[in-house]
PDB file of N, CA and C in Angstrom:
ATOM      1  N   MET A   1      62.656 213.503  31.199  1.00  0.00           N
ATOM      2  CA  MET A   1      62.091 212.696  30.140  1.00  0.00           C
ATOM      3  C   MET A   1      63.202 211.872  29.491  1.00  0.00           C
ATOM      4  N   PRO A   2      63.026 210.545  29.422  1.00  0.00           N
ATOM      5  CA  PRO A   2      64.032 209.701  28.758  1.00  0.00           C
ATOM      6  C   PRO A   2      64.118 210.011  27.260  1.00  0.00           C
ATOM      7  N   ASP A   3      65.277 209.745  26.689  1.00  0.00           N
ATOM      8  CA  ASP A   3      65.466 209.913  25.249  1.00  0.00           C
ATOM      9  C   ASP A   3      64.893 208.737  24.468  1.00  0.00           C
ATOM     10  N   LEU A   4      64.950 207.527  25.060  1.00  0.00           N
ATOM     11  CA  LEU A   4      64.557 206.317  24.346  1.00  0.00           C
ATOM     12  C   LEU A   4      63.830 205.353  25.272  1.00  0.00           C
ATOM     13  N   SER A   5      62.728 204.788  24.767  1.00  0.00           N
ATOM     14  CA  SER A   5      62.043 203.681  25.432  1.00  0.00           C
ATOM     15  C   SER A   5      62.187 202.446  24.554  1.00  0.00           C
ATOM     16  N   VAL A   6      62.650 201.355  25.136  1.00  0.00           N
ATOM     17  CA  VAL A   6      62.760 200.082  24.429  1.00  0.00           C
ATOM     18  C   VAL A   6      61.582 199.230  24.883  1.00  0.00           C
ATOM     19  N   ILE A   7      60.650 198.959  23.972  1.00  0.00           N
ATOM     20  CA  ILE A   7      59.461 198.174  24.272  1.00  0.00           C
ATOM     21  C   ILE A   7      59.754 196.715  23.924  1.00  0.00           C
ATOM     22  N   ILE A   8      59.542 195.809  24.885  1.00  0.00           N
ATOM     23  CA  ILE A   8      59.789 194.385  24.654  1.00  0.00           C
ATOM     24  C   ILE A   8      58.502 193.617  24.959  1.00  0.00           C
ATOM     25  N   PRO A   9      57.637 193.411  23.935  1.00  0.00           N
ATOM     26  CA  PRO A   9      56.435 192.615  24.166  1.00  0.00           C
ATOM     27  C   PRO A   9      56.772 191.128  24.065  1.00  0.00           C
ATOM     28  N   GLY A  10      56.086 190.304  24.827  1.00  0.00           N
ATOM     29  CA  GLY A  10      56.349 188.874  24.735  1.00  0.00           C
ATOM     30  C   GLY A  10      55.235 188.034  25.320  1.00  0.00           C
ATOM     31  N   ARG A  11      55.051 186.867  24.736  1.00  0.00           N
ATOM     32  CA  ARG A  11      54.094 185.887  25.259  1.00  0.00           C
ATOM     33  C   ARG A  11      54.797 184.535  25.279  1.00  0.00           C
ATOM     34  N   ASN A  12      54.922 183.989  26.469  1.00  0.00           N
ATOM     35  CA  ASN A  12      55.581 182.693  26.663  1.00  0.00           C
ATOM     36  C   ASN A  12      57.014 182.686  26.133  1.00  0.00           C
ATOM     37  N   GLU A  13      57.710 183.803  26.317  1.00  0.00           N
ATOM     38  CA  GLU A  13      59.093 183.924  25.858  1.00  0.00           C
ATOM     39  C   GLU A  13      60.030 183.288  26.878  1.00  0.00           C
ATOM     40  N   MET A  14      60.745 182.277  26.460  1.00  0.00           N
ATOM     41  CA  MET A  14      61.640 181.585  27.386  1.00  0.00           C
ATOM     42  C   MET A  14      62.902 182.397  27.694  1.00  0.00           C
ATOM     43  N   PHE A  15      63.216 183.390  26.874  1.00  0.00           N
ATOM     44  CA  PHE A  15      64.413 184.189  27.091  1.00  0.00           C
ATOM     45  C   PHE A  15      64.095 185.639  27.473  1.00  0.00           C
ATOM     46  N   MET A  16      62.911 185.883  27.982  1.00  0.00           N
ATOM     47  CA  MET A  16      62.515 187.249  28.336  1.00  0.00           C
ATOM     48  C   MET A  16      63.463 187.846  29.377  1.00  0.00           C
ATOM     49  N   LYS A  17      63.763 187.124  30.435  1.00  0.00           N
ATOM     50  CA  LYS A  17      64.635 187.647  31.485  1.00  0.00           C
ATOM     51  C   LYS A  17      66.011 187.978  30.918  1.00  0.00           C
ATOM     52  N   GLN A  18      66.590 187.085  30.129  1.00  0.00           N
ATOM     53  CA  GLN A  18      67.911 187.325  29.558  1.00  0.00           C
ATOM     54  C   GLN A  18      67.886 188.527  28.605  1.00  0.00           C
ATOM     55  N   THR A  19      66.826 188.650  27.819  1.00  0.00           N
ATOM     56  CA  THR A  19      66.718 189.765  26.883  1.00  0.00           C
ATOM     57  C   THR A  19      66.655 191.095  27.633  1.00  0.00           C
ATOM     58  N   VAL A  20      65.788 191.167  28.635  1.00  0.00           N
ATOM     59  CA  VAL A  20      65.641 192.396  29.415  1.00  0.00           C
ATOM     60  C   VAL A  20      66.955 192.739  30.113  1.00  0.00           C
ATOM     61  N   GLU A  21      67.589 191.764  30.736  1.00  0.00           N
ATOM     62  CA  GLU A  21      68.855 192.022  31.433  1.00  0.00           C
ATOM     63  C   GLU A  21      69.945 192.480  30.477  1.00  0.00           C
ATOM     64  N   ASN A  22      69.991 191.905  29.270  1.00  0.00           N
ATOM     65  CA  ASN A  22      70.996 192.307  28.289  1.00  0.00           C
ATOM     66  C   ASN A  22      70.776 193.735  27.829  1.00  0.00           C
ATOM     67  N   VAL A  23      69.532 194.089  27.573  1.00  0.00           N
ATOM     68  CA  VAL A  23      69.244 195.464  27.152  1.00  0.00           C
ATOM     69  C   VAL A  23      69.592 196.437  28.271  1.00  0.00           C
ATOM     70  N   LEU A  24      69.207 196.111  29.507  1.00  0.00           N
ATOM     71  CA  LEU A  24      69.519 196.991  30.635  1.00  0.00           C
ATOM     72  C   LEU A  24      71.029 197.148  30.827  1.00  0.00           C
ATOM     73  N   ALA A  25      71.776 196.089  30.592  1.00  0.00           N
ATOM     74  CA  ALA A  25      73.233 196.148  30.765  1.00  0.00           C
ATOM     75  C   ALA A  25      73.911 196.970  29.670  1.00  0.00           C
ATOM     76  N   ASN A  26      73.251 197.121  28.524  1.00  0.00           N
ATOM     77  CA  ASN A  26      73.908 197.771  27.385  1.00  0.00           C
ATOM     78  C   ASN A  26      73.307 199.104  26.966  1.00  0.00           C
ATOM     79  N   ILE A  27      72.226 199.536  27.585  1.00  0.00           N
ATOM     80  CA  ILE A  27      71.655 200.818  27.180  1.00  0.00           C
ATOM     81  C   ILE A  27      72.552 201.957  27.640  1.00  0.00           C
ATOM     82  N   ARG A  28      72.516 203.032  26.893  1.00  0.00           N
ATOM     83  CA  ARG A  28      73.325 204.205  27.197  1.00  0.00           C
ATOM     84  C   ARG A  28      72.407 205.415  27.317  1.00  0.00           C
ATOM     85  N   GLY A  29      72.895 206.426  27.966  1.00  0.00           N
ATOM     86  CA  GLY A  29      72.128 207.653  28.078  1.00  0.00           C
ATOM     87  C   GLY A  29      70.895 207.475  28.941  1.00  0.00           C
ATOM     88  N   ASP A  30      69.956 208.362  28.729  1.00  0.00           N
ATOM     89  CA  ASP A  30      68.716 208.347  29.499  1.00  0.00           C
ATOM     90  C   ASP A  30      67.689 207.497  28.761  1.00  0.00           C
ATOM     91  N   SER A  31      67.675 206.205  29.052  1.00  0.00           N
ATOM     92  CA  SER A  31      66.788 205.262  28.376  1.00  0.00           C
ATOM     93  C   SER A  31      66.025 204.443  29.398  1.00  0.00           C
ATOM     94  N   GLU A  32      64.912 203.870  28.949  1.00  0.00           N
ATOM     95  CA  GLU A  32      64.113 203.001  29.804  1.00  0.00           C
ATOM     96  C   GLU A  32      63.709 201.761  29.019  1.00  0.00           C
ATOM     97  N   VAL A  33      63.381 200.700  29.744  1.00  0.00           N
ATOM     98  CA  VAL A  33      62.921 199.453  29.140  1.00  0.00           C
ATOM     99  C   VAL A  33      61.518 199.193  29.649  1.00  0.00           C
ATOM    100  N   ILE A  34      60.602 198.872  28.730  1.00  0.00           N
ATOM    101  CA  ILE A  34      59.233 198.536  29.090  1.00  0.00           C
ATOM    102  C   ILE A  34      58.953 197.127  28.584  1.00  0.00           C
ATOM    103  N   ALA A  35      58.836 196.175  29.517  1.00  0.00           N
ATOM    104  CA  ALA A  35      58.526 194.788  29.171  1.00  0.00           C
ATOM    105  C   ALA A  35      57.021 194.588  29.296  1.00  0.00           C
ATOM    106  N   VAL A  36      56.411 194.047  28.253  1.00  0.00           N
ATOM    107  CA  VAL A  36      54.978 193.790  28.262  1.00  0.00           C
ATOM    108  C   VAL A  36      54.784 192.274  28.258  1.00  0.00           C
ATOM    109  N   LEU A  37      54.272 191.753  29.371  1.00  0.00           N
ATOM    110  CA  LEU A  37      54.066 190.319  29.545  1.00  0.00           C
ATOM    111  C   LEU A  37      52.630 190.010  29.140  1.00  0.00           C
ATOM    112  N   ASP A  38      52.477 189.386  27.989  1.00  0.00           N
ATOM    113  CA  ASP A  38      51.169 189.181  27.372  1.00  0.00           C
ATOM    114  C   ASP A  38      50.560 187.843  27.783  1.00  0.00           C
ATOM    115  N   GLY A  39      49.903 187.834  28.939  1.00  0.00           N
ATOM    116  CA  GLY A  39      49.184 186.642  29.382  1.00  0.00           C
ATOM    117  C   GLY A  39      50.026 185.610  30.096  1.00  0.00           C
ATOM    118  N   TYR A  40      51.184 185.993  30.613  1.00  0.00           N
ATOM    119  CA  TYR A  40      52.029 185.032  31.331  1.00  0.00           C
ATOM    120  C   TYR A  40      52.986 185.775  32.248  1.00  0.00           C
ATOM    121  N   TRP A  41      53.593 185.037  33.165  1.00  0.00           N
ATOM    122  CA  TRP A  41      54.693 185.541  33.996  1.00  0.00           C
ATOM    123  C   TRP A  41      55.942 184.776  33.593  1.00  0.00           C
ATOM    124  N   PRO A  42      57.053 185.451  33.329  1.00  0.00           N
ATOM    125  CA  PRO A  42      58.266 184.744  32.900  1.00  0.00           C
ATOM    126  C   PRO A  42      58.864 183.924  34.036  1.00  0.00           C
ATOM    127  N   ASP A  43      59.441 182.807  33.669  1.00  0.00           N
ATOM    128  CA  ASP A  43      60.130 181.943  34.622  1.00  0.00           C
ATOM    129  C   ASP A  43      61.502 181.656  34.039  1.00  0.00           C
ATOM    130  N   PRO A  44      62.554 182.204  34.583  1.00  0.00           N
ATOM    131  CA  PRO A  44      62.698 182.921  35.844  1.00  0.00           C
ATOM    132  C   PRO A  44      62.098 184.329  35.752  1.00  0.00           C
ATOM    133  N   PRO A  45      61.680 184.882  36.910  1.00  0.00           N
ATOM    134  CA  PRO A  45      61.032 186.197  36.916  1.00  0.00           C
ATOM    135  C   PRO A  45      62.002 187.342  36.628  1.00  0.00           C
ATOM    136  N   LEU A  46      61.445 188.446  36.185  1.00  0.00           N
ATOM    137  CA  LEU A  46      62.245 189.650  35.946  1.00  0.00           C
ATOM    138  C   LEU A  46      62.627 190.277  37.280  1.00  0.00           C
ATOM    139  N   GLN A  47      63.837 190.798  37.356  1.00  0.00           N
ATOM    140  CA  GLN A  47      64.322 191.446  38.565  1.00  0.00           C
ATOM    141  C   GLN A  47      63.979 192.938  38.516  1.00  0.00           C
ATOM    142  N   ASP A  48      63.727 193.520  39.678  1.00  0.00           N
ATOM    143  CA  ASP A  48      63.473 194.958  39.750  1.00  0.00           C
ATOM    144  C   ASP A  48      64.705 195.735  39.288  1.00  0.00           C
ATOM    145  N   HIS A  49      64.456 196.814  38.579  1.00  0.00           N
ATOM    146  CA  HIS A  49      65.534 197.692  38.107  1.00  0.00           C
ATOM    147  C   HIS A  49      64.932 199.085  37.959  1.00  0.00           C
ATOM    148  N   PRO A  50      65.662 200.133  38.305  1.00  0.00           N
ATOM    149  CA  PRO A  50      65.107 201.486  38.215  1.00  0.00           C
ATOM    150  C   PRO A  50      64.723 201.918  36.796  1.00  0.00           C
ATOM    151  N   ARG A  51      65.315 201.321  35.784  1.00  0.00           N
ATOM    152  CA  ARG A  51      64.998 201.684  34.393  1.00  0.00           C
ATOM    153  C   ARG A  51      63.984 200.740  33.752  1.00  0.00           C
ATOM    154  N   LEU A  52      63.454 199.793  34.521  1.00  0.00           N
ATOM    155  CA  LEU A  52      62.526 198.793  33.982  1.00  0.00           C
ATOM    156  C   LEU A  52      61.109 199.055  34.458  1.00  0.00           C
ATOM    157  N   LYS A  53      60.183 199.043  33.493  1.00  0.00           N
ATOM    158  CA  LYS A  53      58.750 199.073  33.787  1.00  0.00           C
ATOM    159  C   LYS A  53      58.164 197.788  33.226  1.00  0.00           C
ATOM    160  N   VAL A  54      57.217 197.213  33.954  1.00  0.00           N
ATOM    161  CA  VAL A  54      56.599 195.959  33.523  1.00  0.00           C
ATOM    162  C   VAL A  54      55.090 196.143  33.433  1.00  0.00           C
ATOM    163  N   ILE A  55      54.530 195.724  32.307  1.00  0.00           N
ATOM    164  CA  ILE A  55      53.084 195.681  32.126  1.00  0.00           C
ATOM    165  C   ILE A  55      52.710 194.207  32.044  1.00  0.00           C
ATOM    166  N   HIS A  56      51.693 193.801  32.794  1.00  0.00           N
ATOM    167  CA  HIS A  56      51.249 192.403  32.755  1.00  0.00           C
ATOM    168  C   HIS A  56      49.789 192.350  32.344  1.00  0.00           C
ATOM    169  N   HIS A  57      49.511 191.613  31.274  1.00  0.00           N
ATOM    170  CA  HIS A  57      48.129 191.350  30.866  1.00  0.00           C
ATOM    171  C   HIS A  57      47.751 189.966  31.388  1.00  0.00           C
ATOM    172  N   THR A  58      46.649 189.869  32.093  1.00  0.00           N
ATOM    173  CA  THR A  58      46.238 188.561  32.614  1.00  0.00           C
ATOM    174  C   THR A  58      45.786 187.635  31.495  1.00  0.00           C
ATOM    175  N   GLU A  59      45.230 188.201  30.438  1.00  0.00           N
ATOM    176  CA  GLU A  59      44.873 187.428  29.247  1.00  0.00           C
ATOM    177  C   GLU A  59      45.618 188.007  28.055  1.00  0.00           C
ATOM    178  N   ALA A  60      46.053 187.141  27.172  1.00  0.00           N
ATOM    179  CA  ALA A  60      46.812 187.578  26.000  1.00  0.00           C
ATOM    180  C   ALA A  60      45.964 188.500  25.118  1.00  0.00           C
ATOM    181  N   VAL A  61      46.584 189.610  24.686  1.00  0.00           N
ATOM    182  CA  VAL A  61      45.893 190.569  23.824  1.00  0.00           C
ATOM    183  C   VAL A  61      46.540 190.653  22.440  1.00  0.00           C
ATOM    184  N   GLY A  62      47.687 190.017  22.265  1.00  0.00           N
ATOM    185  CA  GLY A  62      48.369 190.038  20.975  1.00  0.00           C
ATOM    186  C   GLY A  62      49.517 191.032  20.957  1.00  0.00           C
ATOM    187  N   GLN A  63      50.423 190.821  20.010  1.00  0.00           N
ATOM    188  CA  GLN A  63      51.647 191.609  19.944  1.00  0.00           C
ATOM    189  C   GLN A  63      51.384 193.096  19.675  1.00  0.00           C
ATOM    190  N   ARG A  64      50.486 193.394  18.766  1.00  0.00           N
ATOM    191  CA  ARG A  64      50.228 194.793  18.432  1.00  0.00           C
ATOM    192  C   ARG A  64      49.646 195.557  19.615  1.00  0.00           C
ATOM    193  N   ALA A  65      48.650 194.976  20.290  1.00  0.00           N
ATOM    194  CA  ALA A  65      48.041 195.635  21.449  1.00  0.00           C
ATOM    195  C   ALA A  65      49.049 195.756  22.592  1.00  0.00           C
ATOM    196  N   ALA A  66      49.884 194.728  22.787  1.00  0.00           N
ATOM    197  CA  ALA A  66      50.908 194.782  23.832  1.00  0.00           C
ATOM    198  C   ALA A  66      51.918 195.895  23.536  1.00  0.00           C
ATOM    199  N   THR A  67      52.321 196.010  22.292  1.00  0.00           N
ATOM    200  CA  THR A  67      53.254 197.067  21.890  1.00  0.00           C
ATOM    201  C   THR A  67      52.623 198.440  22.090  1.00  0.00           C
ATOM    202  N   ASN A  68      51.360 198.582  21.719  1.00  0.00           N
ATOM    203  CA  ASN A  68      50.661 199.859  21.905  1.00  0.00           C
ATOM    204  C   ASN A  68      50.576 200.235  23.381  1.00  0.00           C
ATOM    205  N   ASP A  69      50.323 199.261  24.251  1.00  0.00           N
ATOM    206  CA  ASP A  69      50.250 199.537  25.690  1.00  0.00           C
ATOM    207  C   ASP A  69      51.611 199.993  26.222  1.00  0.00           C
ATOM    208  N   GLY A  70      52.680 199.358  25.753  1.00  0.00           N
ATOM    209  CA  GLY A  70      54.017 199.778  26.154  1.00  0.00           C
ATOM    210  C   GLY A  70      54.327 201.185  25.678  1.00  0.00           C
ATOM    211  N   THR A  71      53.904 201.513  24.473  1.00  0.00           N
ATOM    212  CA  THR A  71      54.129 202.842  23.919  1.00  0.00           C
ATOM    213  C   THR A  71      53.355 203.899  24.704  1.00  0.00           C
ATOM    214  N   LYS A  72      52.144 203.563  25.125  1.00  0.00           N
ATOM    215  CA  LYS A  72      51.347 204.503  25.923  1.00  0.00           C
ATOM    216  C   LYS A  72      52.023 204.826  27.259  1.00  0.00           C
ATOM    217  N   LEU A  73      52.728 203.857  27.829  1.00  0.00           N
ATOM    218  CA  LEU A  73      53.405 204.056  29.110  1.00  0.00           C
ATOM    219  C   LEU A  73      54.711 204.834  28.952  1.00  0.00           C
ATOM    220  N   SER A  74      55.256 204.850  27.737  1.00  0.00           N
ATOM    221  CA  SER A  74      56.531 205.519  27.478  1.00  0.00           C
ATOM    222  C   SER A  74      56.433 207.015  27.722  1.00  0.00           C
ATOM    223  N   ARG A  75      57.524 207.568  28.264  1.00  0.00           N
ATOM    224  CA  ARG A  75      57.639 209.011  28.445  1.00  0.00           C
ATOM    225  C   ARG A  75      58.732 209.578  27.552  1.00  0.00           C
ATOM    226  N   ALA A  76      59.297 208.743  26.696  1.00  0.00           N
ATOM    227  CA  ALA A  76      60.477 209.123  25.923  1.00  0.00           C
ATOM    228  C   ALA A  76      60.144 209.846  24.622  1.00  0.00           C
ATOM    229  N   LYS A  77      61.157 210.517  24.109  1.00  0.00           N
ATOM    230  CA  LYS A  77      61.042 211.198  22.828  1.00  0.00           C
ATOM    231  C   LYS A  77      60.996 210.189  21.680  1.00  0.00           C
ATOM    232  N   HIS A  78      61.762 209.073  21.813  1.00  0.00           N
ATOM    233  CA  HIS A  78      61.826 208.040  20.786  1.00  0.00           C
ATOM    234  C   HIS A  78      61.439 206.693  21.385  1.00  0.00           C
ATOM    235  N   VAL A  79      60.835 205.836  20.557  1.00  0.00           N
ATOM    236  CA  VAL A  79      60.410 204.505  20.985  1.00  0.00           C
ATOM    237  C   VAL A  79      60.969 203.478  20.023  1.00  0.00           C
ATOM    238  N   MET A  80      61.452 202.374  20.575  1.00  0.00           N
ATOM    239  CA  MET A  80      61.975 201.266  19.776  1.00  0.00           C
ATOM    240  C   MET A  80      61.339 199.979  20.258  1.00  0.00           C
ATOM    241  N   LYS A  81      60.858 199.163  19.343  1.00  0.00           N
ATOM    242  CA  LYS A  81      60.290 197.851  19.700  1.00  0.00           C
ATOM    243  C   LYS A  81      61.351 196.783  19.447  1.00  0.00           C
ATOM    244  N   LEU A  82      61.509 195.898  20.405  1.00  0.00           N
ATOM    245  CA  LEU A  82      62.490 194.826  20.266  1.00  0.00           C
ATOM    246  C   LEU A  82      61.753 193.508  20.236  1.00  0.00           C
TER     247      LEU A  82
END
């Protein structure tokens, strides 16, 4: 079980890939990143990573619902929204 899940919800975020890559490069310990793509696919696309989980909504559901979906997928003791 990871200690920390970092939830990153976004809709039409132009820096989603850079944000996810930066968090993955700087996380410590047993942590995971959950990116929630709310009604879009990022361009440039996210790269596969063993600590990254991606949720894609075909239609936008809003920040709160996207965050809740990321939290439901989390297996960690602690959750942080970015």
